[in-house]
Each structure stands twice: as structure tokens, then as C-alpha cells.
Amino acid sequence: MKGWRIFTHSVRLVLNNLEAALRVSAVLYLPQVALQYMIYQNPQLSGDMGDVPAEFDPGDVGLFGNFFLLSFLALIASLWIAVAWHRYVLENEAPPGWVPRWHGSQMLGYLGRSILVGLIIVAAILVMSIPVGFLSLGLPGLTGFFLLGMVGLAAYIFFRLGVVLPAIAIGKQMKIGEAWRATKDDDNAVVMLALLVIAASVVMQLPSMIGGQGTFIDFVYQVVVGWFATIIGISVLTTLFGHYVEGRPID
């Protein structure tokens, strides 16, 4: 199954180049760690108002100011990591040290294309939510199945269009339509890939669900798992671009 081969190839990209992956992302991942720690210390920031301590002052704008600042830094760092890892795999651009080279224009283009792909996914979900909503009313027992299908649809569209992101990272222009056409001949493989990624995400969250959320051990686990999920997710897009656009083997 090609979907499985794409997924395992992406995982091997990370495991076989673990030192490079750490050089590309270890330092830049720190803002995300700081953000997660802030949320761990202040559950109200995650929207879980049931965990708000009694002494929490809703007027404490400093806390939320720091939260948004860290969120902004984490966003910049995630774009930096994504572009650097794409360039390492596709262009053999090794990081000079523990911080990869800065490619501002590519990062800005990466953000723009990511937003565009996200808007397309949201539009597709909104269109599909109408018939799915009616079906859920008639078949309430299958609501969970319908929701899972919507998640699968979002993942499928993302992987079909996501090849535009590595292209931007290495300085190549690719339109959304070109990205969609690049994977049209292997539609089943992309469906399988989407299902595998969703399944892997659920499996990675099982220890937190079983062991209890909100503990320090869970925080450390989420940091480690979050790093692997981030770099493997970027690798999946890299593999899709390398195979379907550049014709690279995945065996």
C-alpha cells in the first residue's frame, strides 16, 4: 500500500537523520515548550474555565499578553523549522549549527499558503457539514462516525494540497491547482495516508487519556510527542512533494 510506504518513509526520514532533525528544530522548539508550560501552569489559557483557580484575576492582561507573545514566537519558530527541514531533505541544506538559516521570504510565503489551504479546508468542511448535520439528526448513534469522517476529509484535502508548502520552502512557485493535480493519480494512497496519520495521532494521545491529563509527567510527554509529531508531519509533506512532484522513490 503506497499510503503506508509514504508514511513509513516519512518516519524513517526523521529516525535516520535524527541529529539533523534536532539541529534544525531543538532550539527553535523552545518557544513551543514555553507556551505549553504556560498553559500547564495556567489551565484557563486553554479555555478550560473549570480549572481556573479561585485567585485568578480576569483583568490580569499581563498573563494573556505573555501568552500571545509566546504564541507569536512559537508560530515564527514553527515556520522556521518547517522551511529548514524541507530544505534539508530536498536541497541537502544542512543547518550550520543548532539554529538553521533564516529564509524570511520563504517563511512568509509558507504562512500565506498555509492560511490559504486552511481556508479551503474550512470551506469544504462547512459545505459538507450541511448534509452531515441532517444525517446526524436522523442517525444520532452515528454522529461520532460522521465527525471522524469530517476529520478524515480535512486530512485528505490537506495532503492533496499540502505539496504546495515544500515547494514554497525551496523557492519554487506552485499554484493550488497544480498541487491538487500532482496527487490525483494516487488518490487512494492519499486517503490511506490521511487515515494512518489520524490513527497515529490518536495512538500518541492514548497515554495521556489513560494516565490522566494535567500532570507534569503528561506535560513532558506532550512536549516530546509534540516534537515528533511536528517533524514527522513536515516530513510527510516533504515525502509527498519529493515523490509526486520530483519523482523521488519512497522505497
Foldseek 3Di string as FASTA:
>chain_A
DLLVLLLVLLLCVCVVPVVQLQLAAVVLCVLVLVLLVLCLVAVVVVVPVVPHDPPDDPPPVVSVVVNVVSVVSNLLSLLSSLLQLLCCVPVVQGAPGSYRDDDPQLSVVLVVLVVVLVVVLVVVLVVVCVVLVVVCVVVVVCNVVSVVVSQLSSQLSCLQQVLQSSCSSVPHHDDSVRSNVLCVVPSVSSSSNSVVLVVVVVVLCVCCVVVDPSDPVVSVSCSVVVSSNSSSVSSSSSSSNCCRPVNDDSD
